[in-house]
C-alpha atoms as a PDB file:
ATOM      1  CA  MET A   1       1.121 -17.274  -9.418  1.00  0.00           C
ATOM      2  CA  LEU A   2       3.071 -14.217  -7.995  1.00  0.00           C
ATOM      3  CA  ALA A   3       0.590 -11.151  -7.309  1.00  0.00           C
ATOM      4  CA  LEU A   4       3.663  -8.674  -8.041  1.00  0.00           C
ATOM      5  CA  GLN A   5       7.290  -9.013  -9.408  1.00  0.00           C
ATOM      6  CA  VAL A   6       9.630  -6.153  -9.277  1.00  0.00           C
ATOM      7  CA  LYS A   7      13.024  -6.886 -11.279  1.00  0.00           C
ATOM      8  CA  ASP A   8      15.840  -4.162 -11.087  1.00  0.00           C
ATOM      9  CA  LEU A   9      13.773  -1.186 -10.842  1.00  0.00           C
ATOM     10  CA  SER A  10      15.770   1.949 -11.449  1.00  0.00           C
ATOM     11  CA  LYS A  11      14.560   5.669 -11.424  1.00  0.00           C
ATOM     12  CA  ASP A  12      16.417   8.697 -12.406  1.00  0.00           C
ATOM     13  CA  TYR A  13      15.367  12.403 -11.748  1.00  0.00           C
ATOM     14  CA  GLY A  14      17.687  14.185 -13.966  1.00  0.00           C
ATOM     15  CA  ARG A  15      21.199  13.528 -12.394  1.00  0.00           C
ATOM     16  CA  ILE A  16      19.498  12.465  -9.255  1.00  0.00           C
ATOM     17  CA  LYS A  17      19.287   8.573  -8.689  1.00  0.00           C
ATOM     18  CA  ALA A  18      15.993   7.695  -6.493  1.00  0.00           C
ATOM     19  CA  LEU A  19      16.220   3.877  -6.934  1.00  0.00           C
ATOM     20  CA  PHE A  20      18.904   1.455  -7.668  1.00  0.00           C
ATOM     21  CA  ASP A  21      18.038  -1.865  -9.175  1.00  0.00           C
ATOM     22  CA  VAL A  22      15.396  -2.622  -6.351  1.00  0.00           C
ATOM     23  CA  SER A  23      14.009  -6.462  -6.936  1.00  0.00           C
ATOM     24  CA  PHE A  24      11.508  -8.082  -4.738  1.00  0.00           C
ATOM     25  CA  ASP A  25       8.394 -10.519  -5.383  1.00  0.00           C
ATOM     26  CA  VAL A  26       5.164 -10.634  -3.407  1.00  0.00           C
ATOM     27  CA  GLU A  27       2.959 -13.627  -3.337  1.00  0.00           C
ATOM     28  CA  GLU A  28      -0.724 -13.832  -3.694  1.00  0.00           C
ATOM     29  CA  GLY A  29      -2.363 -13.109  -0.386  1.00  0.00           C
ATOM     30  CA  GLU A  30       0.648 -11.799   1.258  1.00  0.00           C
ATOM     31  CA  ILE A  31       1.385  -8.317   3.119  1.00  0.00           C
ATOM     32  CA  PHE A  32       4.585  -6.970   2.084  1.00  0.00           C
ATOM     33  CA  ALA A  33       5.927  -3.744   3.812  1.00  0.00           C
ATOM     34  CA  LEU A  34       8.454  -1.633   2.346  1.00  0.00           C
ATOM     35  CA  ILE A  35      10.144   0.611   5.094  1.00  0.00           C
ATOM     36  CA  GLY A  36      12.684   3.036   4.982  1.00  0.00           C
ATOM     37  CA  PRO A  37      13.633   6.775   6.213  1.00  0.00           C
ATOM     38  CA  ASN A  38      12.153   9.619   4.573  1.00  0.00           C
ATOM     39  CA  GLY A  39      13.522   9.911   1.055  1.00  0.00           C
ATOM     40  CA  ALA A  40      14.600   6.621   0.770  1.00  0.00           C
ATOM     41  CA  GLY A  41      12.960   5.741  -2.230  1.00  0.00           C
ATOM     42  CA  LYS A  42       9.488   3.946  -0.922  1.00  0.00           C
ATOM     43  CA  SER A  43       7.007   6.236  -2.474  1.00  0.00           C
ATOM     44  CA  THR A  44       8.584   6.331  -5.442  1.00  0.00           C
ATOM     45  CA  THR A  45       8.742   2.676  -5.808  1.00  0.00           C
ATOM     46  CA  LEU A  46       4.884   2.824  -4.802  1.00  0.00           C
ATOM     47  CA  LYS A  47       4.121   5.089  -7.513  1.00  0.00           C
ATOM     48  CA  ILE A  48       5.937   2.864 -10.299  1.00  0.00           C
ATOM     49  CA  ILE A  49       4.008   0.000  -9.335  1.00  0.00           C
ATOM     50  CA  ALA A  50       0.932   1.893  -9.042  1.00  0.00           C
ATOM     51  CA  GLY A  51       1.515   3.277 -12.737  1.00  0.00           C
ATOM     52  CA  LEU A  52       1.686   6.990 -11.784  1.00  0.00           C
ATOM     53  CA  LEU A  53       5.610   7.268 -12.529  1.00  0.00           C
ATOM     54  CA  SER A  54       7.598   5.685 -15.140  1.00  0.00           C
ATOM     55  CA  PRO A  55      10.955   3.712 -14.319  1.00  0.00           C
ATOM     56  CA  THR A  56      14.200   4.675 -15.855  1.00  0.00           C
ATOM     57  CA  SER A  57      14.897   1.049 -16.077  1.00  0.00           C
ATOM     58  CA  GLY A  58      13.520  -2.354 -14.661  1.00  0.00           C
ATOM     59  CA  SER A  59      10.369  -3.801 -14.628  1.00  0.00           C
ATOM     60  CA  VAL A  60       7.026  -4.613 -12.769  1.00  0.00           C
ATOM     61  CA  ALA A  61       4.577  -7.444 -13.411  1.00  0.00           C
ATOM     62  CA  ILE A  62       1.179  -7.656 -11.697  1.00  0.00           C
ATOM     63  CA  LYS A  63       0.059 -11.469 -11.680  1.00  0.00           C
ATOM     64  CA  GLY A  64       2.318 -12.123 -14.985  1.00  0.00           C
ATOM     65  CA  ARG A  65       1.250  -8.996 -16.662  1.00  0.00           C
ATOM     66  CA  ASP A  66       4.210  -6.464 -17.833  1.00  0.00           C
ATOM     67  CA  LEU A  67       2.993  -2.673 -16.522  1.00  0.00           C
ATOM     68  CA  ARG A  68       4.688  -1.316 -19.542  1.00  0.00           C
ATOM     69  CA  ARG A  69       2.894  -3.402 -22.092  1.00  0.00           C
ATOM     70  CA  GLU A  70      -0.363  -3.845 -20.384  1.00  0.00           C
ATOM     71  CA  SER A  71      -0.842  -0.908 -18.565  1.00  0.00           C
ATOM     72  CA  ALA A  72      -4.458  -0.330 -19.369  1.00  0.00           C
ATOM     73  CA  GLU A  73      -5.357  -3.756 -18.030  1.00  0.00           C
ATOM     74  CA  ILE A  74      -3.195  -3.598 -14.947  1.00  0.00           C
ATOM     75  CA  ARG A  75      -4.865  -0.259 -13.613  1.00  0.00           C
ATOM     76  CA  LYS A  76      -8.139  -2.284 -13.503  1.00  0.00           C
ATOM     77  CA  MET A  77      -6.163  -4.775 -11.093  1.00  0.00           C
ATOM     78  CA  ILE A  78      -4.631  -2.225  -8.664  1.00  0.00           C
ATOM     79  CA  THR A  79      -5.729   0.229  -6.247  1.00  0.00           C
ATOM     80  CA  TYR A  80      -3.674   2.977  -4.603  1.00  0.00           C
ATOM     81  CA  LEU A  81      -3.983   4.757  -1.138  1.00  0.00           C
ATOM     82  CA  PRO A  82      -1.684   7.535  -1.155  1.00  0.00           C
ATOM     83  CA  GLU A  83      -0.701   8.948   2.075  1.00  0.00           C
ATOM     84  CA  ASP A  84      -2.049  12.449   1.699  1.00  0.00           C
ATOM     85  CA  SER A  85      -5.140  11.357  -0.075  1.00  0.00           C
ATOM     86  CA  GLY A  86      -8.745  12.675   0.624  1.00  0.00           C
ATOM     87  CA  ALA A  87     -12.419  12.086  -0.144  1.00  0.00           C
ATOM     88  CA  TYR A  88     -14.469  14.785  -1.946  1.00  0.00           C
ATOM     89  CA  LYS A  89     -15.821  17.087   0.547  1.00  0.00           C
ATOM     90  CA  ASN A  90     -19.012  17.984  -1.539  1.00  0.00           C
ATOM     91  CA  LEU A  91     -20.107  14.432  -1.584  1.00  0.00           C
ATOM     92  CA  SER A  92     -21.743  12.096   1.118  1.00  0.00           C
ATOM     93  CA  GLY A  93     -19.698   9.162   2.001  1.00  0.00           C
ATOM     94  CA  MET A  94     -22.279   6.972   0.026  1.00  0.00           C
ATOM     95  CA  GLU A  95     -22.003   9.227  -3.200  1.00  0.00           C
ATOM     96  CA  TYR A  96     -18.168   9.044  -2.790  1.00  0.00           C
ATOM     97  CA  LEU A  97     -18.516   5.215  -2.845  1.00  0.00           C
ATOM     98  CA  ARG A  98     -20.864   5.008  -5.433  1.00  0.00           C
ATOM     99  CA  PHE A  99     -18.551   7.455  -7.886  1.00  0.00           C
ATOM    100  CA  MET A 100     -15.627   5.587  -7.229  1.00  0.00           C
ATOM    101  CA  SER A 101     -17.358   2.039  -7.756  1.00  0.00           C
ATOM    102  CA  ALA A 102     -18.387   3.236 -11.246  1.00  0.00           C
ATOM    103  CA  LEU A 103     -14.523   3.881 -12.162  1.00  0.00           C
ATOM    104  CA  TYR A 104     -13.860   0.065 -11.344  1.00  0.00           C
ATOM    105  CA  ALA A 105     -16.903  -1.810 -12.177  1.00  0.00           C
ATOM    106  CA  ASP A 106     -17.857  -3.067 -15.743  1.00  0.00           C
ATOM    107  CA  ASP A 107     -21.637  -2.891 -15.278  1.00  0.00           C
ATOM    108  CA  ARG A 108     -24.253  -1.568 -12.750  1.00  0.00           C
ATOM    109  CA  THR A 109     -24.367  -5.071 -10.891  1.00  0.00           C
ATOM    110  CA  GLU A 110     -20.785  -5.130 -10.398  1.00  0.00           C
ATOM    111  CA  GLU A 111     -20.903  -1.421  -9.306  1.00  0.00           C
ATOM    112  CA  ASN A 112     -23.834  -2.132  -6.719  1.00  0.00           C
ATOM    113  CA  SER A 113     -21.786  -5.002  -5.284  1.00  0.00           C
ATOM    114  CA  PHE A 114     -18.534  -3.045  -4.739  1.00  0.00           C
ATOM    115  CA  VAL A 115     -20.497  -0.371  -3.039  1.00  0.00           C
ATOM    116  CA  GLN A 116     -22.259  -2.730  -0.776  1.00  0.00           C
ATOM    117  CA  LYS A 117     -18.895  -4.195   0.187  1.00  0.00           C
ATOM    118  CA  GLY A 118     -17.435  -0.613   0.838  1.00  0.00           C
ATOM    119  CA  VAL A 119     -20.264   0.032   3.174  1.00  0.00           C
ATOM    120  CA  GLU A 120     -19.525  -3.136   5.173  1.00  0.00           C
ATOM    121  CA  ILE A 121     -15.826  -2.512   5.128  1.00  0.00           C
ATOM    122  CA  CYS A 122     -15.620   1.116   6.293  1.00  0.00           C
ATOM    123  CA  GLY A 123     -18.473   0.643   8.872  1.00  0.00           C
ATOM    124  CA  LEU A 124     -19.779   4.260   8.952  1.00  0.00           C
ATOM    125  CA  GLY A 125     -23.214   3.192   8.924  1.00  0.00           C
ATOM    126  CA  ALA A 126     -25.872   6.112   8.870  1.00  0.00           C
ATOM    127  CA  ARG A 127     -22.855   8.590   8.788  1.00  0.00           C
ATOM    128  CA  LEU A 128     -22.714   7.558   5.055  1.00  0.00           C
ATOM    129  CA  ALA A 129     -25.535   9.536   4.215  1.00  0.00           C
ATOM    130  CA  GLU A 130     -23.585  12.805   5.473  1.00  0.00           C
ATOM    131  CA  LYS A 131     -21.059  14.839   3.445  1.00  0.00           C
ATOM    132  CA  THR A 132     -17.619  13.764   4.133  1.00  0.00           C
ATOM    133  CA  SER A 133     -16.639  17.460   5.062  1.00  0.00           C
ATOM    134  CA  THR A 134     -18.143  16.363   8.476  1.00  0.00           C
ATOM    135  CA  TYR A 135     -16.140  13.487   9.036  1.00  0.00           C
ATOM    136  CA  SER A 136     -13.070  12.962  11.640  1.00  0.00           C
ATOM    137  CA  LYS A 137      -9.778  12.169   9.921  1.00  0.00           C
ATOM    138  CA  GLY A 138     -10.320   8.510  11.202  1.00  0.00           C
ATOM    139  CA  MET A 139     -13.805   8.421   9.465  1.00  0.00           C
ATOM    140  CA  VAL A 140     -12.325   9.718   6.029  1.00  0.00           C
ATOM    141  CA  ARG A 141      -9.554   7.170   6.334  1.00  0.00           C
ATOM    142  CA  LYS A 142     -11.927   4.181   6.481  1.00  0.00           C
ATOM    143  CA  LEU A 143     -13.583   5.611   3.751  1.00  0.00           C
ATOM    144  CA  LEU A 144     -10.671   5.803   1.521  1.00  0.00           C
ATOM    145  CA  LEU A 145      -9.457   2.353   2.430  1.00  0.00           C
ATOM    146  CA  ALA A 146     -12.795   0.845   1.758  1.00  0.00           C
ATOM    147  CA  ARG A 147     -12.695   2.744  -1.590  1.00  0.00           C
ATOM    148  CA  THR A 148      -9.422   0.994  -2.225  1.00  0.00           C
ATOM    149  CA  ILE A 149     -10.236  -2.453  -1.312  1.00  0.00           C
ATOM    150  CA  MET A 150     -14.045  -2.716  -1.855  1.00  0.00           C
ATOM    151  CA  SER A 151     -13.291  -3.735  -5.805  1.00  0.00           C
ATOM    152  CA  ASP A 152     -11.198  -6.880  -4.533  1.00  0.00           C
ATOM    153  CA  PRO A 153      -7.867  -5.830  -6.358  1.00  0.00           C
ATOM    154  CA  ALA A 154      -5.318  -8.345  -7.369  1.00  0.00           C
ATOM    155  CA  LEU A 155      -2.861  -5.585  -5.531  1.00  0.00           C
ATOM    156  CA  ALA A 156      -3.725  -2.913  -2.939  1.00  0.00           C
ATOM    157  CA  ILE A 157      -1.175  -0.468  -2.629  1.00  0.00           C
ATOM    158  CA  LEU A 158      -1.340   1.446   0.978  1.00  0.00           C
ATOM    159  CA  ASP A 159       0.939   4.331   1.809  1.00  0.00           C
ATOM    160  CA  GLU A 160       0.844   5.290   5.212  1.00  0.00           C
ATOM    161  CA  PRO A 161      -2.775   3.679   5.956  1.00  0.00           C
ATOM    162  CA  THR A 162      -3.001   4.970   9.517  1.00  0.00           C
ATOM    163  CA  SER A 163      -1.080   8.006   9.371  1.00  0.00           C
ATOM    164  CA  GLY A 164      -2.259  10.699  11.840  1.00  0.00           C
ATOM    165  CA  LEU A 165      -4.912   8.406  13.457  1.00  0.00           C
ATOM    166  CA  ASP A 166      -5.582   7.674  16.915  1.00  0.00           C
ATOM    167  CA  VAL A 167      -4.970   4.300  18.388  1.00  0.00           C
ATOM    168  CA  ILE A 168      -8.433   2.947  18.147  1.00  0.00           C
ATOM    169  CA  ASN A 169      -9.218   4.103  14.695  1.00  0.00           C
ATOM    170  CA  ALA A 170      -5.428   2.903  13.584  1.00  0.00           C
ATOM    171  CA  MET A 171      -6.113  -0.533  15.415  1.00  0.00           C
ATOM    172  CA  GLU A 172      -9.672  -0.731  13.403  1.00  0.00           C
ATOM    173  CA  ILE A 173      -7.932   0.130   9.928  1.00  0.00           C
ATOM    174  CA  ARG A 174      -5.331  -2.637  10.826  1.00  0.00           C
ATOM    175  CA  LYS A 175      -7.917  -5.089  11.579  1.00  0.00           C
ATOM    176  CA  ILE A 176      -9.519  -4.586   8.237  1.00  0.00           C
ATOM    177  CA  ILE A 177      -6.466  -4.945   6.098  1.00  0.00           C
ATOM    178  CA  LYS A 178      -5.286  -8.178   8.061  1.00  0.00           C
ATOM    179  CA  ARG A 179      -9.022  -9.527   7.325  1.00  0.00           C
ATOM    180  CA  MET A 180      -9.018  -8.912   3.696  1.00  0.00           C
ATOM    181  CA  ALA A 181      -5.609 -10.389   3.096  1.00  0.00           C
ATOM    182  CA  LYS A 182      -6.634 -13.592   5.035  1.00  0.00           C
ATOM    183  CA  ASP A 183      -9.367 -13.523   2.275  1.00  0.00           C
ATOM    184  CA  GLY A 184      -7.145 -13.551  -0.320  1.00  0.00           C
ATOM    185  CA  MET A 185      -6.132  -9.800  -1.031  1.00  0.00           C
ATOM    186  CA  THR A 186      -2.563  -8.970  -1.788  1.00  0.00           C
ATOM    187  CA  VAL A 187      -1.075  -6.028  -0.183  1.00  0.00           C
ATOM    188  CA  LEU A 188       2.049  -3.678  -0.542  1.00  0.00           C
ATOM    189  CA  LEU A 189       2.186  -1.310   2.735  1.00  0.00           C
ATOM    190  CA  SER A 190       4.371   1.329   3.644  1.00  0.00           C
ATOM    191  CA  SER A 191       4.529   2.970   7.007  1.00  0.00           C
ATOM    192  CA  HIS A 192       7.005   4.521   9.662  1.00  0.00           C
ATOM    193  CA  ASN A 193       5.065   2.858  12.582  1.00  0.00           C
ATOM    194  CA  MET A 194       7.204  -0.170  13.128  1.00  0.00           C
ATOM    195  CA  LEU A 195       4.951  -2.012  15.352  1.00  0.00           C
ATOM    196  CA  GLU A 196       2.016  -1.641  12.861  1.00  0.00           C
ATOM    197  CA  ILE A 197       4.418  -3.238  10.185  1.00  0.00           C
ATOM    198  CA  GLU A 198       5.350  -6.175  12.704  1.00  0.00           C
ATOM    199  CA  PHE A 199       1.774  -6.898  13.096  1.00  0.00           C
ATOM    200  CA  LEU A 200       0.475  -6.485   9.844  1.00  0.00           C
ATOM    201  CA  SER A 201       3.239  -8.001   7.333  1.00  0.00           C
ATOM    202  CA  ASP A 202       4.236 -11.219   6.280  1.00  0.00           C
ATOM    203  CA  ARG A 203       7.526  -9.892   5.185  1.00  0.00           C
ATOM    204  CA  VAL A 204       9.666  -6.852   5.279  1.00  0.00           C
ATOM    205  CA  GLY A 205      11.652  -5.159   2.861  1.00  0.00           C
ATOM    206  CA  ILE A 206      14.003  -2.037   3.845  1.00  0.00           C
ATOM    207  CA  ILE A 207      15.021   0.399   1.746  1.00  0.00           C
ATOM    208  CA  ASN A 208      17.728   3.273   2.172  1.00  0.00           C
ATOM    209  CA  SER A 209      19.124   5.762  -0.293  1.00  0.00           C
ATOM    210  CA  GLY A 210      17.523   4.003  -3.199  1.00  0.00           C
ATOM    211  CA  TRP A 211      18.905   0.382  -2.489  1.00  0.00           C
ATOM    212  CA  LEU A 212      16.787  -2.409  -1.127  1.00  0.00           C
ATOM    213  CA  HIS A 213      18.878  -3.705   1.674  1.00  0.00           C
ATOM    214  CA  GLU A 214      16.973  -6.446   3.358  1.00  0.00           C
ATOM    215  CA  ILE A 215      13.832  -8.671   3.022  1.00  0.00           C
ATOM    216  CA  GLY A 216      12.586 -11.048   5.448  1.00  0.00           C
ATOM    217  CA  THR A 217      10.124 -11.906   7.874  1.00  0.00           C
ATOM    218  CA  ALA A 218      10.291  -9.577  10.970  1.00  0.00           C
ATOM    219  CA  ALA A 219      11.197 -12.849  13.088  1.00  0.00           C
ATOM    220  CA  SER A 220      13.906 -13.739  10.686  1.00  0.00           C
ATOM    221  CA  LEU A 221      15.515 -10.177  10.548  1.00  0.00           C
ATOM    222  CA  LYS A 222      15.309  -9.527  14.330  1.00  0.00           C
ATOM    223  CA  GLU A 223      17.096 -13.062  14.611  1.00  0.00           C
ATOM    224  CA  LYS A 224      19.763 -11.514  12.135  1.00  0.00           C
ATOM    225  CA  TYR A 225      20.299  -8.286  13.915  1.00  0.00           C
ATOM    226  CA  LYS A 226      20.097  -9.694  17.251  1.00  0.00           C
ATOM    227  CA  ALA A 227      17.057  -7.030  17.910  1.00  0.00           C
ATOM    228  CA  GLU A 228      14.241  -7.337  20.233  1.00  0.00           C
ATOM    229  CA  ASN A 229      12.023  -5.439  17.781  1.00  0.00           C
ATOM    230  CA  LEU A 230      11.806  -4.269  14.294  1.00  0.00           C
ATOM    231  CA  GLU A 231      12.825  -0.786  15.116  1.00  0.00           C
ATOM    232  CA  GLU A 232      16.020  -1.749  16.049  1.00  0.00           C
ATOM    233  CA  VAL A 233      16.319  -3.957  12.967  1.00  0.00           C
ATOM    234  CA  PHE A 234      15.369  -0.837  11.161  1.00  0.00           C
ATOM    235  CA  GLU A 235      18.194   1.266  12.643  1.00  0.00           C
ATOM    236  CA  ALA A 236      20.958  -0.987  12.507  1.00  0.00           C
ATOM    237  CA  VAL A 237      20.224  -1.799   8.490  1.00  0.00           C
ATOM    238  CA  VAL A 238      20.063   2.233   7.914  1.00  0.00           C
ATOM    239  CA  THR A 239      23.039   2.934   9.657  1.00  0.00           C
ATOM    240  CA  GLN A 240      24.993   0.202   8.287  1.00  0.00           C
ATOM    241  CA  SER A 241      23.725   1.129   4.733  1.00  0.00           C
ATOM    242  CA  GLU A 242      24.847   4.869   5.219  1.00  0.00           C
ATOM    243  CA  GLU A 243      28.495   3.706   6.821  1.00  0.00           C
ATOM    244  CA  LYS A 244      28.763   1.864   3.477  1.00  0.00           C
ATOM    245  CA  ASN A 245      28.212   4.966   1.457  1.00  0.00           C
END
């Protein structure tokens, strides 16, 4: 079964059209990256799939469940990490994990299981006893990633998961994402870092001006555009799409 099906998704903000008939599928256990310039429609697409925005038309299904008809059930199946997300600074790391696990767990046993998994994922050890206000940006991001995936979601939506991090912290977070996908978690990812996208993703979708122009593996897209790297592919697709408009 497909983990995610997006079909003919459109979004209007009054007279402004943000998305035009965007369609793509994501397999279970796949890391699918949606990339594009600022204002291309990436965040709008992610927020619609996460249930935070309503589409003007089109449909989203998570493991065969329609987002509009079964939104309450779907919200239990997906998690979303926005680029600008933060942790509650008055809570310790452990208190934060417990608070968030209570939102997803059906009982205390499951809640404890989620917390334990969160502890393992973030790798913060004894620092979890300290308030998150004392954490570095990298530590906060690890905690937030742990919160996002500790409940074994059917789909984890990650918007710029390593934004603003140093090389070491970014590498650690990429390894966590890669490991969790290998264990079966499905990931919808967005990032401006093309090296990160090439390392993490199984397939890539390139969006610009609300239109989804390309879908394929990094290797197939590089071959199609005779490019040495994904940055060159990105540039070529965006340039061509703007020339058509």
